[in-house]
Amino acid sequence: MQANMHEAKSNLSQLVEKAEAGEKVIIAKAGKPCVQLIPVKQNKERIFGQFKNQFEILEGFDSKATDKEISNLFEPDL
């Protein structure tokens, strides 16, 4: 939906509700699209330790040999 600046001033609450509901809301100035209303994503609360015991770290994961293997994956042989 597109609304002109005057309409947006008068109906901002309704336009915000439409944007929050997922509708594309564009505000135009002199008939030209100027800005788009988009809802702010709320960050989910991070819980420390939420993945505890879900991963296994193998011995030697940080060894020089492992580093070399990974480097070889991304660096071409010269």
PDB file of N, CA and C in Angstrom:
ATOM      1  N   MET A   1       0.844  -1.175   0.000  1.00  0.00           N
ATOM      2  CA  MET A   1       0.000   0.000   0.000  1.00  0.00           C
ATOM      3  C   MET A   1       0.878   1.222   0.000  1.00  0.00           C
ATOM      4  N   GLN A   2       0.413   2.274  -0.648  1.00  0.00           N
ATOM      5  CA  GLN A   2       1.156   3.529  -0.693  1.00  0.00           C
ATOM      6  C   GLN A   2       0.253   4.629  -0.160  1.00  0.00           C
ATOM      7  N   ALA A   3       0.804   5.469   0.707  1.00  0.00           N
ATOM      8  CA  ALA A   3       0.063   6.593   1.266  1.00  0.00           C
ATOM      9  C   ALA A   3       0.876   7.859   1.053  1.00  0.00           C
ATOM     10  N   ASN A   4       0.177   8.976   0.826  1.00  0.00           N
ATOM     11  CA  ASN A   4       0.915  10.228   0.698  1.00  0.00           C
ATOM     12  C   ASN A   4       1.260  10.760   2.098  1.00  0.00           C
ATOM     13  N   MET A   5       2.108  11.758   2.163  1.00  0.00           N
ATOM     14  CA  MET A   5       2.612  12.275   3.431  1.00  0.00           C
ATOM     15  C   MET A   5       1.480  12.763   4.337  1.00  0.00           C
ATOM     16  N   HIS A   6       0.541  13.494   3.780  1.00  0.00           N
ATOM     17  CA  HIS A   6      -0.574  14.014   4.579  1.00  0.00           C
ATOM     18  C   HIS A   6      -1.402  12.869   5.162  1.00  0.00           C
ATOM     19  N   GLU A   7      -1.699  11.886   4.328  1.00  0.00           N
ATOM     20  CA  GLU A   7      -2.462  10.718   4.783  1.00  0.00           C
ATOM     21  C   GLU A   7      -1.687   9.972   5.863  1.00  0.00           C
ATOM     22  N   ALA A   8      -0.375   9.868   5.697  1.00  0.00           N
ATOM     23  CA  ALA A   8       0.455   9.162   6.678  1.00  0.00           C
ATOM     24  C   ALA A   8       0.435   9.872   8.029  1.00  0.00           C
ATOM     25  N   LYS A   9       0.465  11.202   7.999  1.00  0.00           N
ATOM     26  CA  LYS A   9       0.406  11.965   9.258  1.00  0.00           C
ATOM     27  C   LYS A   9      -0.919  11.717   9.966  1.00  0.00           C
ATOM     28  N   SER A  10      -1.981  11.678   9.195  1.00  0.00           N
ATOM     29  CA  SER A  10      -3.316  11.524   9.773  1.00  0.00           C
ATOM     30  C   SER A  10      -3.604  10.098  10.236  1.00  0.00           C
ATOM     31  N   ASN A  11      -2.986   9.105   9.586  1.00  0.00           N
ATOM     32  CA  ASN A  11      -3.318   7.697   9.853  1.00  0.00           C
ATOM     33  C   ASN A  11      -2.098   6.860  10.230  1.00  0.00           C
ATOM     34  N   LEU A  12      -1.161   7.461  10.903  1.00  0.00           N
ATOM     35  CA  LEU A  12       0.080   6.753  11.206  1.00  0.00           C
ATOM     36  C   LEU A  12      -0.166   5.462  11.982  1.00  0.00           C
ATOM     37  N   SER A  13      -1.026   5.499  12.968  1.00  0.00           N
ATOM     38  CA  SER A  13      -1.288   4.294  13.772  1.00  0.00           C
ATOM     39  C   SER A  13      -1.776   3.136  12.914  1.00  0.00           C
ATOM     40  N   GLN A  14      -2.697   3.417  11.999  1.00  0.00           N
ATOM     41  CA  GLN A  14      -3.231   2.367  11.138  1.00  0.00           C
ATOM     42  C   GLN A  14      -2.159   1.845  10.176  1.00  0.00           C
ATOM     43  N   LEU A  15      -1.325   2.755   9.663  1.00  0.00           N
ATOM     44  CA  LEU A  15      -0.255   2.333   8.756  1.00  0.00           C
ATOM     45  C   LEU A  15       0.766   1.448   9.483  1.00  0.00           C
ATOM     46  N   VAL A  16       1.074   1.813  10.719  1.00  0.00           N
ATOM     47  CA  VAL A  16       2.000   1.000  11.520  1.00  0.00           C
ATOM     48  C   VAL A  16       1.414  -0.381  11.761  1.00  0.00           C
ATOM     49  N   GLU A  17       0.142  -0.459  12.072  1.00  0.00           N
ATOM     50  CA  GLU A  17      -0.510  -1.758  12.289  1.00  0.00           C
ATOM     51  C   GLU A  17      -0.430  -2.625  11.031  1.00  0.00           C
ATOM     52  N   LYS A  18      -0.638  -2.006   9.872  1.00  0.00           N
ATOM     53  CA  LYS A  18      -0.557  -2.759   8.620  1.00  0.00           C
ATOM     54  C   LYS A  18       0.867  -3.263   8.383  1.00  0.00           C
ATOM     55  N   ALA A  19       1.856  -2.418   8.664  1.00  0.00           N
ATOM     56  CA  ALA A  19       3.253  -2.829   8.496  1.00  0.00           C
ATOM     57  C   ALA A  19       3.586  -3.978   9.444  1.00  0.00           C
ATOM     58  N   GLU A  20       3.123  -3.884  10.690  1.00  0.00           N
ATOM     59  CA  GLU A  20       3.373  -4.953  11.657  1.00  0.00           C
ATOM     60  C   GLU A  20       2.710  -6.253  11.236  1.00  0.00           C
ATOM     61  N   ALA A  21       1.600  -6.150  10.515  1.00  0.00           N
ATOM     62  CA  ALA A  21       0.886  -7.340  10.056  1.00  0.00           C
ATOM     63  C   ALA A  21       1.531  -7.947   8.808  1.00  0.00           C
ATOM     64  N   GLY A  22       2.576  -7.283   8.301  1.00  0.00           N
ATOM     65  CA  GLY A  22       3.300  -7.843   7.167  1.00  0.00           C
ATOM     66  C   GLY A  22       3.026  -7.169   5.836  1.00  0.00           C
ATOM     67  N   GLU A  23       2.158  -6.174   5.841  1.00  0.00           N
ATOM     68  CA  GLU A  23       1.859  -5.480   4.593  1.00  0.00           C
ATOM     69  C   GLU A  23       2.968  -4.474   4.272  1.00  0.00           C
ATOM     70  N   LYS A  24       3.289  -4.331   3.009  1.00  0.00           N
ATOM     71  CA  LYS A  24       4.302  -3.379   2.575  1.00  0.00           C
ATOM     72  C   LYS A  24       3.659  -1.994   2.561  1.00  0.00           C
ATOM     73  N   VAL A  25       4.176  -1.075   3.378  1.00  0.00           N
ATOM     74  CA  VAL A  25       3.613   0.268   3.482  1.00  0.00           C
ATOM     75  C   VAL A  25       4.666   1.276   3.040  1.00  0.00           C
ATOM     76  N   ILE A  26       4.332   2.028   1.996  1.00  0.00           N
ATOM     77  CA  ILE A  26       5.250   3.028   1.459  1.00  0.00           C
ATOM     78  C   ILE A  26       4.611   4.401   1.608  1.00  0.00           C
ATOM     79  N   ILE A  27       5.413   5.364   2.072  1.00  0.00           N
ATOM     80  CA  ILE A  27       4.942   6.730   2.193  1.00  0.00           C
ATOM     81  C   ILE A  27       5.573   7.534   1.062  1.00  0.00           C
ATOM     82  N   ALA A  28       4.720   8.279   0.344  1.00  0.00           N
ATOM     83  CA  ALA A  28       5.178   9.032  -0.822  1.00  0.00           C
ATOM     84  C   ALA A  28       5.112  10.533  -0.544  1.00  0.00           C
ATOM     85  N   LYS A  29       6.031  11.227  -1.172  1.00  0.00           N
ATOM     86  CA  LYS A  29       6.043  12.683  -1.097  1.00  0.00           C
ATOM     87  C   LYS A  29       5.880  13.184  -2.529  1.00  0.00           C
ATOM     88  N   ALA A  30       4.845  13.965  -2.780  1.00  0.00           N
ATOM     89  CA  ALA A  30       4.534  14.476  -4.118  1.00  0.00           C
ATOM     90  C   ALA A  30       4.389  13.336  -5.123  1.00  0.00           C
ATOM     91  N   GLY A  31       3.815  12.224  -4.661  1.00  0.00           N
ATOM     92  CA  GLY A  31       3.567  11.095  -5.550  1.00  0.00           C
ATOM     93  C   GLY A  31       4.741  10.163  -5.764  1.00  0.00           C
ATOM     94  N   LYS A  32       5.917  10.525  -5.237  1.00  0.00           N
ATOM     95  CA  LYS A  32       7.105   9.676  -5.387  1.00  0.00           C
ATOM     96  C   LYS A  32       7.341   8.895  -4.096  1.00  0.00           C
ATOM     97  N   PRO A  33       7.536   7.584  -4.202  1.00  0.00           N
ATOM     98  CA  PRO A  33       7.838   6.804  -2.999  1.00  0.00           C
ATOM     99  C   PRO A  33       9.059   7.379  -2.292  1.00  0.00           C
ATOM    100  N   CYS A  34       8.936   7.548  -0.992  1.00  0.00           N
ATOM    101  CA  CYS A  34       9.982   8.215  -0.211  1.00  0.00           C
ATOM    102  C   CYS A  34      10.574   7.283   0.851  1.00  0.00           C
ATOM    103  N   VAL A  35       9.705   6.674   1.641  1.00  0.00           N
ATOM    104  CA  VAL A  35      10.159   5.771   2.707  1.00  0.00           C
ATOM    105  C   VAL A  35       9.225   4.572   2.786  1.00  0.00           C
ATOM    106  N   GLN A  36       9.734   3.519   3.432  1.00  0.00           N
ATOM    107  CA  GLN A  36       8.930   2.316   3.639  1.00  0.00           C
ATOM    108  C   GLN A  36       8.879   2.026   5.126  1.00  0.00           C
ATOM    109  N   LEU A  37       7.701   1.727   5.627  1.00  0.00           N
ATOM    110  CA  LEU A  37       7.551   1.336   7.029  1.00  0.00           C
ATOM    111  C   LEU A  37       7.799  -0.165   7.145  1.00  0.00           C
ATOM    112  N   ILE A  38       8.702  -0.523   8.016  1.00  0.00           N
ATOM    113  CA  ILE A  38       8.946  -1.943   8.274  1.00  0.00           C
ATOM    114  C   ILE A  38       8.993  -2.150   9.781  1.00  0.00           C
ATOM    115  N   PRO A  39       8.461  -3.257  10.259  1.00  0.00           N
ATOM    116  CA  PRO A  39       8.467  -3.498  11.707  1.00  0.00           C
ATOM    117  C   PRO A  39       9.875  -3.830  12.198  1.00  0.00           C
ATOM    118  N   VAL A  40      10.136  -3.483  13.434  1.00  0.00           N
ATOM    119  CA  VAL A  40      11.418  -3.800  14.070  1.00  0.00           C
ATOM    120  C   VAL A  40      11.348  -5.228  14.573  1.00  0.00           C
ATOM    121  N   LYS A  41      12.367  -6.019  14.217  1.00  0.00           N
ATOM    122  CA  LYS A  41      12.418  -7.397  14.705  1.00  0.00           C
ATOM    123  C   LYS A  41      12.864  -7.376  16.163  1.00  0.00           C
ATOM    124  N   GLN A  42      12.119  -8.053  16.975  1.00  0.00           N
ATOM    125  CA  GLN A  42      12.494  -8.156  18.381  1.00  0.00           C
ATOM    126  C   GLN A  42      13.488  -9.297  18.531  1.00  0.00           C
ATOM    127  N   ASN A  43      14.606  -9.003  19.172  1.00  0.00           N
ATOM    128  CA  ASN A  43      15.607 -10.045  19.400  1.00  0.00           C
ATOM    129  C   ASN A  43      15.108 -11.011  20.453  1.00  0.00           C
ATOM    130  N   LYS A  44      15.319 -12.281  20.169  1.00  0.00           N
ATOM    131  CA  LYS A  44      14.950 -13.289  21.159  1.00  0.00           C
ATOM    132  C   LYS A  44      15.949 -13.213  22.308  1.00  0.00           C
ATOM    133  N   GLU A  45      15.474 -13.482  23.486  1.00  0.00           N
ATOM    134  CA  GLU A  45      16.332 -13.454  24.657  1.00  0.00           C
ATOM    135  C   GLU A  45      17.350 -14.592  24.555  1.00  0.00           C
ATOM    136  N   ARG A  46      18.598 -14.247  24.763  1.00  0.00           N
ATOM    137  CA  ARG A  46      19.643 -15.270  24.729  1.00  0.00           C
ATOM    138  C   ARG A  46      19.770 -15.883  26.119  1.00  0.00           C
ATOM    139  N   ILE A  47      19.809 -17.181  26.132  1.00  0.00           N
ATOM    140  CA  ILE A  47      19.917 -17.894  27.405  1.00  0.00           C
ATOM    141  C   ILE A  47      21.290 -18.532  27.471  1.00  0.00           C
ATOM    142  N   PHE A  48      22.088 -18.085  28.430  1.00  0.00           N
ATOM    143  CA  PHE A  48      23.437 -18.610  28.574  1.00  0.00           C
ATOM    144  C   PHE A  48      23.376 -20.104  28.879  1.00  0.00           C
ATOM    145  N   GLY A  49      24.124 -20.879  28.113  1.00  0.00           N
ATOM    146  CA  GLY A  49      24.201 -22.317  28.339  1.00  0.00           C
ATOM    147  C   GLY A  49      23.050 -23.106  27.739  1.00  0.00           C
ATOM    148  N   GLN A  50      22.282 -22.506  26.861  1.00  0.00           N
ATOM    149  CA  GLN A  50      21.115 -23.204  26.323  1.00  0.00           C
ATOM    150  C   GLN A  50      21.473 -24.405  25.460  1.00  0.00           C
ATOM    151  N   PHE A  51      22.705 -24.471  24.971  1.00  0.00           N
ATOM    152  CA  PHE A  51      23.127 -25.598  24.134  1.00  0.00           C
ATOM    153  C   PHE A  51      24.077 -26.547  24.874  1.00  0.00           C
ATOM    154  N   LYS A  52      24.138 -26.411  26.171  1.00  0.00           N
ATOM    155  CA  LYS A  52      25.027 -27.254  26.964  1.00  0.00           C
ATOM    156  C   LYS A  52      24.708 -28.726  26.727  1.00  0.00           C
ATOM    157  N   ASN A  53      25.757 -29.509  26.544  1.00  0.00           N
ATOM    158  CA  ASN A  53      25.683 -30.958  26.321  1.00  0.00           C
ATOM    159  C   ASN A  53      25.051 -31.340  24.975  1.00  0.00           C
ATOM    160  N   GLN A  54      24.905 -30.399  24.070  1.00  0.00           N
ATOM    161  CA  GLN A  54      24.376 -30.709  22.754  1.00  0.00           C
ATOM    162  C   GLN A  54      25.481 -30.829  21.716  1.00  0.00           C
ATOM    163  N   PHE A  55      26.694 -30.449  22.090  1.00  0.00           N
ATOM    164  CA  PHE A  55      27.823 -30.521  21.171  1.00  0.00           C
ATOM    165  C   PHE A  55      28.979 -31.236  21.853  1.00  0.00           C
ATOM    166  N   GLU A  56      29.748 -31.917  21.057  1.00  0.00           N
ATOM    167  CA  GLU A  56      30.926 -32.598  21.580  1.00  0.00           C
ATOM    168  C   GLU A  56      32.150 -31.981  20.913  1.00  0.00           C
ATOM    169  N   ILE A  57      33.083 -31.534  21.726  1.00  0.00           N
ATOM    170  CA  ILE A  57      34.320 -30.968  21.199  1.00  0.00           C
ATOM    171  C   ILE A  57      35.370 -32.072  21.244  1.00  0.00           C
ATOM    172  N   LEU A  58      35.834 -32.444  20.072  1.00  0.00           N
ATOM    173  CA  LEU A  58      36.796 -33.527  19.978  1.00  0.00           C
ATOM    174  C   LEU A  58      38.183 -33.063  20.388  1.00  0.00           C
ATOM    175  N   GLU A  59      38.922 -33.982  20.942  1.00  0.00           N
ATOM    176  CA  GLU A  59      40.294 -33.687  21.342  1.00  0.00           C
ATOM    177  C   GLU A  59      41.103 -33.344  20.093  1.00  0.00           C
ATOM    178  N   GLY A  60      41.908 -32.313  20.179  1.00  0.00           N
ATOM    179  CA  GLY A  60      42.741 -31.912  19.060  1.00  0.00           C
ATOM    180  C   GLY A  60      42.047 -30.993  18.062  1.00  0.00           C
ATOM    181  N   PHE A  61      40.862 -30.493  18.428  1.00  0.00           N
ATOM    182  CA  PHE A  61      40.148 -29.628  17.489  1.00  0.00           C
ATOM    183  C   PHE A  61      40.929 -28.349  17.184  1.00  0.00           C
ATOM    184  N   ASP A  62      41.818 -27.965  18.096  1.00  0.00           N
ATOM    185  CA  ASP A  62      42.580 -26.735  17.897  1.00  0.00           C
ATOM    186  C   ASP A  62      44.066 -26.995  17.608  1.00  0.00           C
ATOM    187  N   SER A  63      44.370 -28.180  17.123  1.00  0.00           N
ATOM    188  CA  SER A  63      45.765 -28.524  16.847  1.00  0.00           C
ATOM    189  C   SER A  63      46.248 -27.855  15.566  1.00  0.00           C
ATOM    190  N   LYS A  64      47.563 -27.801  15.391  1.00  0.00           N
ATOM    191  CA  LYS A  64      48.159 -27.223  14.189  1.00  0.00           C
ATOM    192  C   LYS A  64      47.779 -28.028  12.949  1.00  0.00           C
ATOM    193  N   ALA A  65      47.653 -29.336  13.085  1.00  0.00           N
ATOM    194  CA  ALA A  65      47.274 -30.178  11.949  1.00  0.00           C
ATOM    195  C   ALA A  65      45.867 -29.821  11.466  1.00  0.00           C
ATOM    196  N   THR A  66      44.963 -29.616  12.407  1.00  0.00           N
ATOM    197  CA  THR A  66      43.598 -29.232  12.054  1.00  0.00           C
ATOM    198  C   THR A  66      43.590 -27.862  11.390  1.00  0.00           C
ATOM    199  N   ASP A  67      44.377 -26.932  11.932  1.00  0.00           N
ATOM    200  CA  ASP A  67      44.482 -25.603  11.324  1.00  0.00           C
ATOM    201  C   ASP A  67      44.955 -25.708   9.880  1.00  0.00           C
ATOM    202  N   LYS A  68      45.931 -26.571   9.644  1.00  0.00           N
ATOM    203  CA  LYS A  68      46.476 -26.738   8.302  1.00  0.00           C
ATOM    204  C   LYS A  68      45.413 -27.328   7.355  1.00  0.00           C
ATOM    205  N   GLU A  69      44.653 -28.305   7.861  1.00  0.00           N
ATOM    206  CA  GLU A  69      43.590 -28.907   7.048  1.00  0.00           C
ATOM    207  C   GLU A  69      42.564 -27.856   6.628  1.00  0.00           C
ATOM    208  N   ILE A  70      42.176 -27.035   7.564  1.00  0.00           N
ATOM    209  CA  ILE A  70      41.197 -25.991   7.277  1.00  0.00           C
ATOM    210  C   ILE A  70      41.774 -24.973   6.309  1.00  0.00           C
ATOM    211  N   SER A  71      43.017 -24.574   6.514  1.00  0.00           N
ATOM    212  CA  SER A  71      43.665 -23.615   5.613  1.00  0.00           C
ATOM    213  C   SER A  71      43.703 -24.166   4.197  1.00  0.00           C
ATOM    214  N   ASN A  72      43.986 -25.441   4.066  1.00  0.00           N
ATOM    215  CA  ASN A  72      44.063 -26.060   2.734  1.00  0.00           C
ATOM    216  C   ASN A  72      42.706 -26.041   2.007  1.00  0.00           C
ATOM    217  N   LEU A  73      41.632 -26.045   2.765  1.00  0.00           N
ATOM    218  CA  LEU A  73      40.303 -25.992   2.157  1.00  0.00           C
ATOM    219  C   LEU A  73      40.031 -24.651   1.485  1.00  0.00           C
ATOM    220  N   PHE A  74      40.631 -23.585   2.026  1.00  0.00           N
ATOM    221  CA  PHE A  74      40.324 -22.245   1.551  1.00  0.00           C
ATOM    222  C   PHE A  74      41.438 -21.583   0.756  1.00  0.00           C
ATOM    223  N   GLU A  75      42.629 -22.116   0.840  1.00  0.00           N
ATOM    224  CA  GLU A  75      43.750 -21.526   0.133  1.00  0.00           C
ATOM    225  C   GLU A  75      44.167 -22.465  -1.016  1.00  0.00           C
ATOM    226  N   PRO A  76      44.217 -21.945  -2.230  1.00  0.00           N
ATOM    227  CA  PRO A  76      44.625 -22.806  -3.343  1.00  0.00           C
ATOM    228  C   PRO A  76      46.117 -23.148  -3.262  1.00  0.00           C
ATOM    229  N   ASP A  77      46.444 -24.310  -3.731  1.00  0.00           N
ATOM    230  CA  ASP A  77      47.855 -24.705  -3.772  1.00  0.00           C
ATOM    231  C   ASP A  77      48.570 -23.860  -4.812  1.00  0.00           C
ATOM    232  N   LEU A  78      49.714 -23.361  -4.448  1.00  0.00           N
ATOM    233  CA  LEU A  78      50.492 -22.528  -5.390  1.00  0.00           C
ATOM    234  C   LEU A  78      51.633 -23.313  -5.961  1.00  0.00           C
TER     235      LEU A  78
END
